[in-house]
Amino acid sequence: MRMYSTPGLWFPLARSALVALPLLLAPWQPAHAEPLGRLFFSPAERALIDRPGSLRPPPAPPPRLDGIVSPSRGAPTLFLDGQAHPAKPQQIHLGSSTADVRSPDGRLHRLRVGDPPSAAAP
């Protein structure tokens, strides 16, 4: 009895094993890449993120609202820290004696007449 081998069946399997064996034996090395957390920020924004928190200036306190003058005709006036400032009618809430005021750092505060600045909610 004679045995015949079929080389067409063994060649693809042997070739696949020869290709896979070096890949399996190669040492696994983790990639050393920068985390994506800062990738989409500009260089100036990254510098602010990297700066320690103690170096950032604290936010400026809101101004003190000393008074509101709302004439029947004309623009209303707010007295902030003892100085008169023109206001828009949408800023003033006469029923509750409050006004919406934007501080120099850009935050919006609702101030009540006579309240100390620390009691104002940002």
N, C-alpha and C. Protein backbone atom coordinates (compact mmCIF):
# COMPACT_ATOMS: atom_id res chain seq x y z
N MET A 1 0.83 -1.16 0.00
CA MET A 1 0.00 0.00 0.00
C MET A 1 0.89 1.24 0.00
N ARG A 2 0.53 2.15 -0.84
CA ARG A 2 1.29 3.39 -1.00
C ARG A 2 0.55 4.56 -0.39
N MET A 3 1.31 5.50 0.28
CA MET A 3 0.68 6.70 0.84
C MET A 3 1.19 7.90 0.06
N TYR A 4 0.27 8.73 -0.24
CA TYR A 4 0.60 9.96 -0.95
C TYR A 4 0.27 11.15 -0.04
N SER A 5 1.16 12.10 0.04
CA SER A 5 0.86 13.32 0.80
C SER A 5 0.35 14.37 -0.17
N THR A 6 -0.41 15.26 0.38
CA THR A 6 -0.96 16.35 -0.43
C THR A 6 -0.25 17.63 -0.03
N PRO A 7 0.75 18.04 -0.82
CA PRO A 7 1.49 19.24 -0.44
C PRO A 7 0.65 20.50 -0.51
N GLY A 8 -0.41 20.53 -1.29
CA GLY A 8 -1.25 21.72 -1.39
C GLY A 8 -1.97 22.04 -0.09
N LEU A 9 -2.18 21.04 0.76
CA LEU A 9 -2.87 21.26 2.04
C LEU A 9 -1.91 21.75 3.12
N TRP A 10 -0.67 21.28 3.16
CA TRP A 10 0.27 21.59 4.22
C TRP A 10 1.02 22.90 4.00
N PHE A 11 1.23 23.30 2.78
CA PHE A 11 2.00 24.53 2.56
C PHE A 11 1.33 25.78 3.13
N PRO A 12 0.04 26.02 2.93
CA PRO A 12 -0.55 27.23 3.54
C PRO A 12 -0.52 27.21 5.06
N LEU A 13 -0.75 26.05 5.67
CA LEU A 13 -0.71 25.97 7.13
C LEU A 13 0.70 26.22 7.66
N ALA A 14 1.69 25.64 7.03
CA ALA A 14 3.08 25.83 7.47
C ALA A 14 3.51 27.28 7.29
N ARG A 15 3.11 27.90 6.19
CA ARG A 15 3.46 29.30 5.96
C ARG A 15 2.80 30.19 7.03
N SER A 16 1.55 29.94 7.38
CA SER A 16 0.87 30.73 8.42
C SER A 16 1.55 30.56 9.77
N ALA A 17 1.97 29.33 10.07
CA ALA A 17 2.64 29.08 11.35
C ALA A 17 3.98 29.79 11.40
N LEU A 18 4.72 29.81 10.30
CA LEU A 18 6.01 30.49 10.28
C LEU A 18 5.88 32.00 10.43
N VAL A 19 4.79 32.55 9.92
CA VAL A 19 4.56 33.99 10.07
C VAL A 19 4.09 34.32 11.48
N ALA A 20 3.22 33.49 12.06
CA ALA A 20 2.65 33.76 13.37
C ALA A 20 3.64 33.51 14.50
N LEU A 21 4.56 32.56 14.35
CA LEU A 21 5.47 32.20 15.42
C LEU A 21 6.36 33.38 15.86
N PRO A 22 7.02 34.12 14.97
CA PRO A 22 7.82 35.26 15.45
C PRO A 22 6.98 36.36 16.11
N LEU A 23 5.76 36.53 15.62
CA LEU A 23 4.91 37.56 16.24
C LEU A 23 4.52 37.17 17.66
N LEU A 24 4.30 35.87 17.89
CA LEU A 24 3.94 35.42 19.23
C LEU A 24 5.13 35.44 20.18
N LEU A 25 6.32 35.23 19.64
CA LEU A 25 7.51 35.20 20.48
C LEU A 25 8.12 36.57 20.72
N ALA A 26 7.73 37.57 19.96
CA ALA A 26 8.28 38.92 20.12
C ALA A 26 7.83 39.50 21.45
N PRO A 27 8.72 40.21 22.14
CA PRO A 27 8.31 40.80 23.43
C PRO A 27 7.26 41.89 23.21
N TRP A 28 6.32 41.94 24.10
CA TRP A 28 5.24 42.93 24.03
C TRP A 28 5.72 44.21 24.70
N GLN A 29 5.68 45.33 23.97
CA GLN A 29 6.13 46.60 24.53
C GLN A 29 4.98 47.59 24.49
N PRO A 30 4.65 48.19 25.64
CA PRO A 30 3.57 49.19 25.63
C PRO A 30 4.00 50.45 24.88
N ALA A 31 3.04 51.09 24.29
CA ALA A 31 3.32 52.32 23.56
C ALA A 31 3.53 53.47 24.55
N HIS A 32 4.50 54.32 24.28
CA HIS A 32 4.79 55.47 25.13
C HIS A 32 4.29 56.72 24.42
N ALA A 33 3.02 57.05 24.65
CA ALA A 33 2.42 58.21 23.99
C ALA A 33 1.88 59.15 25.06
N GLU A 34 1.74 60.42 24.70
CA GLU A 34 1.16 61.41 25.60
C GLU A 34 -0.32 61.13 25.76
N PRO A 35 -0.87 61.21 26.97
CA PRO A 35 -2.31 60.99 27.14
C PRO A 35 -3.11 62.00 26.33
N LEU A 36 -4.29 61.58 25.91
CA LEU A 36 -5.10 62.43 25.05
C LEU A 36 -5.76 63.58 25.79
N GLY A 37 -5.63 63.65 27.11
CA GLY A 37 -6.31 64.68 27.87
C GLY A 37 -5.94 66.10 27.48
N ARG A 38 -4.70 66.34 27.03
CA ARG A 38 -4.26 67.70 26.70
C ARG A 38 -4.09 67.91 25.21
N LEU A 39 -4.37 66.91 24.43
CA LEU A 39 -4.06 66.95 23.00
C LEU A 39 -4.77 68.08 22.27
N PHE A 40 -6.00 68.37 22.62
CA PHE A 40 -6.81 69.31 21.86
C PHE A 40 -6.79 70.72 22.43
N PHE A 41 -5.82 71.03 23.28
CA PHE A 41 -5.68 72.37 23.81
C PHE A 41 -4.55 73.09 23.09
N SER A 42 -4.61 74.40 23.05
CA SER A 42 -3.54 75.19 22.45
C SER A 42 -2.34 75.20 23.40
N PRO A 43 -1.15 75.57 22.92
CA PRO A 43 0.02 75.62 23.82
C PRO A 43 -0.18 76.56 25.01
N ALA A 44 -0.87 77.67 24.80
CA ALA A 44 -1.11 78.60 25.92
C ALA A 44 -2.04 77.96 26.95
N GLU A 45 -3.06 77.25 26.49
CA GLU A 45 -3.98 76.58 27.43
C GLU A 45 -3.25 75.46 28.17
N ARG A 46 -2.36 74.74 27.50
CA ARG A 46 -1.58 73.70 28.17
C ARG A 46 -0.69 74.28 29.25
N ALA A 47 -0.12 75.46 28.99
CA ALA A 47 0.73 76.11 30.00
C ALA A 47 -0.09 76.46 31.23
N LEU A 48 -1.33 76.90 31.04
CA LEU A 48 -2.20 77.21 32.19
C LEU A 48 -2.56 75.95 32.96
N ILE A 49 -2.77 74.84 32.23
CA ILE A 49 -3.11 73.58 32.89
C ILE A 49 -1.92 73.08 33.72
N ASP A 50 -0.71 73.22 33.17
CA ASP A 50 0.48 72.72 33.85
C ASP A 50 0.89 73.56 35.06
N ARG A 51 0.46 74.81 35.09
CA ARG A 51 0.83 75.69 36.19
C ARG A 51 0.17 75.21 37.48
N PRO A 52 0.88 75.18 38.57
CA PRO A 52 0.26 74.76 39.84
C PRO A 52 -0.90 75.67 40.23
N GLY A 53 -1.87 75.11 40.92
CA GLY A 53 -3.06 75.85 41.31
C GLY A 53 -2.79 77.02 42.24
N SER A 54 -1.72 76.96 43.01
CA SER A 54 -1.45 78.05 43.94
C SER A 54 -1.01 79.32 43.23
N LEU A 55 -0.52 79.21 42.00
CA LEU A 55 -0.07 80.39 41.27
C LEU A 55 -1.21 81.13 40.58
N ARG A 56 -2.34 80.47 40.42
CA ARG A 56 -3.48 81.12 39.78
C ARG A 56 -4.08 82.15 40.73
N PRO A 57 -4.37 83.33 40.23
CA PRO A 57 -4.94 84.34 41.13
C PRO A 57 -6.38 83.96 41.51
N PRO A 58 -6.77 84.25 42.75
CA PRO A 58 -8.15 83.96 43.14
C PRO A 58 -9.10 84.90 42.40
N PRO A 59 -10.34 84.47 42.18
CA PRO A 59 -11.28 85.35 41.48
C PRO A 59 -11.55 86.61 42.29
N ALA A 60 -11.74 87.70 41.57
CA ALA A 60 -11.99 88.98 42.22
C ALA A 60 -13.37 88.96 42.90
N PRO A 61 -13.50 89.57 44.07
CA PRO A 61 -14.80 89.60 44.72
C PRO A 61 -15.75 90.49 43.92
N PRO A 62 -17.04 90.22 43.99
CA PRO A 62 -17.99 91.06 43.26
C PRO A 62 -18.06 92.45 43.89
N PRO A 63 -18.48 93.44 43.12
CA PRO A 63 -18.59 94.78 43.69
C PRO A 63 -19.74 94.85 44.70
N ARG A 64 -19.74 95.91 45.50
CA ARG A 64 -20.81 96.14 46.48
C ARG A 64 -21.87 97.02 45.80
N LEU A 65 -23.13 96.61 45.86
CA LEU A 65 -24.23 97.38 45.28
C LEU A 65 -24.76 98.32 46.36
N ASP A 66 -24.47 99.62 46.19
CA ASP A 66 -24.89 100.61 47.18
C ASP A 66 -26.30 101.12 46.92
N GLY A 67 -26.74 101.13 45.68
CA GLY A 67 -28.07 101.65 45.41
C GLY A 67 -28.44 101.54 43.94
N ILE A 68 -29.76 101.69 43.68
CA ILE A 68 -30.31 101.65 42.33
C ILE A 68 -31.20 102.87 42.16
N VAL A 69 -30.99 103.62 41.09
CA VAL A 69 -31.87 104.74 40.75
C VAL A 69 -32.52 104.38 39.42
N SER A 70 -33.85 104.29 39.43
CA SER A 70 -34.58 103.93 38.22
C SER A 70 -35.63 105.00 37.94
N PRO A 71 -35.28 106.00 37.13
CA PRO A 71 -36.25 107.06 36.84
C PRO A 71 -37.34 106.54 35.90
N SER A 72 -38.48 107.26 35.89
CA SER A 72 -39.58 106.84 35.01
C SER A 72 -39.19 107.00 33.55
N ARG A 73 -38.36 107.97 33.24
CA ARG A 73 -37.84 108.16 31.88
C ARG A 73 -36.33 108.16 31.94
N GLY A 74 -35.71 107.48 31.01
CA GLY A 74 -34.25 107.45 30.97
C GLY A 74 -33.70 106.13 31.47
N ALA A 75 -32.40 106.02 31.38
CA ALA A 75 -31.72 104.79 31.77
C ALA A 75 -31.52 104.72 33.28
N PRO A 76 -31.61 103.53 33.85
CA PRO A 76 -31.35 103.39 35.29
C PRO A 76 -29.85 103.52 35.58
N THR A 77 -29.55 103.75 36.84
CA THR A 77 -28.17 103.92 37.29
C THR A 77 -27.93 103.01 38.47
N LEU A 78 -26.78 102.33 38.47
CA LEU A 78 -26.37 101.49 39.59
C LEU A 78 -25.23 102.19 40.31
N PHE A 79 -25.24 102.14 41.63
CA PHE A 79 -24.14 102.66 42.42
C PHE A 79 -23.35 101.47 42.95
N LEU A 80 -22.18 101.24 42.32
CA LEU A 80 -21.32 100.11 42.68
C LEU A 80 -20.06 100.65 43.35
N ASP A 81 -19.82 100.20 44.57
CA ASP A 81 -18.65 100.64 45.35
C ASP A 81 -18.56 102.16 45.41
N GLY A 82 -19.69 102.82 45.54
CA GLY A 82 -19.72 104.28 45.70
C GLY A 82 -19.63 105.06 44.41
N GLN A 83 -19.64 104.42 43.24
CA GLN A 83 -19.56 105.13 41.97
C GLN A 83 -20.77 104.79 41.11
N ALA A 84 -21.26 105.80 40.38
CA ALA A 84 -22.43 105.63 39.52
C ALA A 84 -22.03 104.96 38.21
N HIS A 85 -22.85 103.98 37.77
CA HIS A 85 -22.62 103.26 36.51
C HIS A 85 -23.96 103.16 35.78
N PRO A 86 -23.99 103.48 34.47
CA PRO A 86 -25.25 103.31 33.74
C PRO A 86 -25.58 101.82 33.65
N ALA A 87 -26.87 101.54 33.62
CA ALA A 87 -27.33 100.15 33.59
C ALA A 87 -28.41 99.99 32.53
N LYS A 88 -28.69 98.75 32.19
CA LYS A 88 -29.78 98.42 31.28
C LYS A 88 -30.99 98.02 32.13
N PRO A 89 -32.19 98.29 31.66
CA PRO A 89 -33.38 97.91 32.45
C PRO A 89 -33.47 96.41 32.72
N GLN A 90 -32.89 95.57 31.85
CA GLN A 90 -32.95 94.12 32.06
C GLN A 90 -32.10 93.66 33.24
N GLN A 91 -31.14 94.47 33.64
CA GLN A 91 -30.27 94.12 34.76
C GLN A 91 -30.93 94.30 36.11
N ILE A 92 -31.95 95.13 36.18
CA ILE A 92 -32.49 95.56 37.46
C ILE A 92 -33.78 94.82 37.77
N HIS A 93 -33.90 94.37 39.03
CA HIS A 93 -35.10 93.71 39.55
C HIS A 93 -35.55 94.52 40.77
N LEU A 94 -36.42 95.51 40.53
CA LEU A 94 -36.80 96.44 41.60
C LEU A 94 -37.58 95.76 42.71
N GLY A 95 -38.41 94.76 42.39
CA GLY A 95 -39.21 94.10 43.42
C GLY A 95 -38.37 93.45 44.50
N SER A 96 -37.23 92.91 44.14
CA SER A 96 -36.36 92.25 45.11
C SER A 96 -35.12 93.09 45.45
N SER A 97 -35.05 94.31 44.93
CA SER A 97 -33.92 95.23 45.16
C SER A 97 -32.60 94.58 44.78
N THR A 98 -32.58 93.89 43.65
CA THR A 98 -31.36 93.25 43.17
C THR A 98 -31.03 93.72 41.76
N ALA A 99 -29.78 93.47 41.38
CA ALA A 99 -29.33 93.80 40.03
C ALA A 99 -28.31 92.76 39.60
N ASP A 100 -28.31 92.43 38.31
CA ASP A 100 -27.33 91.51 37.75
C ASP A 100 -26.13 92.34 37.29
N VAL A 101 -24.97 92.06 37.88
CA VAL A 101 -23.76 92.83 37.61
C VAL A 101 -22.65 91.86 37.21
N ARG A 102 -21.92 92.23 36.17
CA ARG A 102 -20.78 91.43 35.71
C ARG A 102 -19.50 91.99 36.34
N SER A 103 -18.75 91.14 37.01
CA SER A 103 -17.50 91.57 37.66
C SER A 103 -16.39 91.70 36.61
N PRO A 104 -15.26 92.31 36.96
CA PRO A 104 -14.17 92.50 35.99
C PRO A 104 -13.64 91.20 35.40
N ASP A 105 -13.74 90.08 36.14
CA ASP A 105 -13.25 88.82 35.60
C ASP A 105 -14.28 88.10 34.72
N GLY A 106 -15.44 88.73 34.49
CA GLY A 106 -16.43 88.19 33.56
C GLY A 106 -17.55 87.38 34.19
N ARG A 107 -17.49 87.14 35.51
CA ARG A 107 -18.57 86.37 36.15
C ARG A 107 -19.78 87.25 36.39
N LEU A 108 -20.97 86.66 36.31
CA LEU A 108 -22.22 87.38 36.52
C LEU A 108 -22.69 87.15 37.96
N HIS A 109 -23.03 88.25 38.65
CA HIS A 109 -23.46 88.18 40.05
C HIS A 109 -24.82 88.86 40.17
N ARG A 110 -25.68 88.29 40.99
CA ARG A 110 -26.93 88.96 41.35
C ARG A 110 -26.72 89.56 42.73
N LEU A 111 -26.67 90.90 42.77
CA LEU A 111 -26.36 91.62 44.00
C LEU A 111 -27.63 92.25 44.57
N ARG A 112 -27.71 92.26 45.89
CA ARG A 112 -28.82 92.91 46.58
C ARG A 112 -28.29 94.20 47.20
N VAL A 113 -29.09 95.24 47.16
CA VAL A 113 -28.68 96.54 47.71
C VAL A 113 -28.37 96.39 49.19
N GLY A 114 -27.16 96.84 49.58
CA GLY A 114 -26.76 96.86 50.97
C GLY A 114 -26.08 95.59 51.46
N ASP A 115 -26.14 94.48 50.71
CA ASP A 115 -25.47 93.26 51.13
C ASP A 115 -23.95 93.40 50.97
N PRO A 116 -23.19 92.81 51.87
CA PRO A 116 -21.73 92.82 51.68
C PRO A 116 -21.37 91.93 50.49
N PRO A 117 -20.25 92.20 49.83
CA PRO A 117 -19.88 91.43 48.64
C PRO A 117 -19.72 89.93 48.89
N SER A 118 -19.31 89.53 50.08
CA SER A 118 -19.12 88.10 50.35
C SER A 118 -20.43 87.35 50.38
N ALA A 119 -21.55 88.03 50.63
CA ALA A 119 -22.86 87.36 50.69
C ALA A 119 -23.47 87.20 49.30
N ALA A 120 -22.87 87.80 48.29
CA ALA A 120 -23.43 87.72 46.93
C ALA A 120 -23.14 86.36 46.35
N ALA A 121 -24.12 85.81 45.66
CA ALA A 121 -23.96 84.51 45.00
C ALA A 121 -23.39 84.73 43.60
N PRO A 122 -22.33 83.97 43.24
CA PRO A 122 -21.75 84.14 41.88
C PRO A 122 -22.65 83.58 40.82
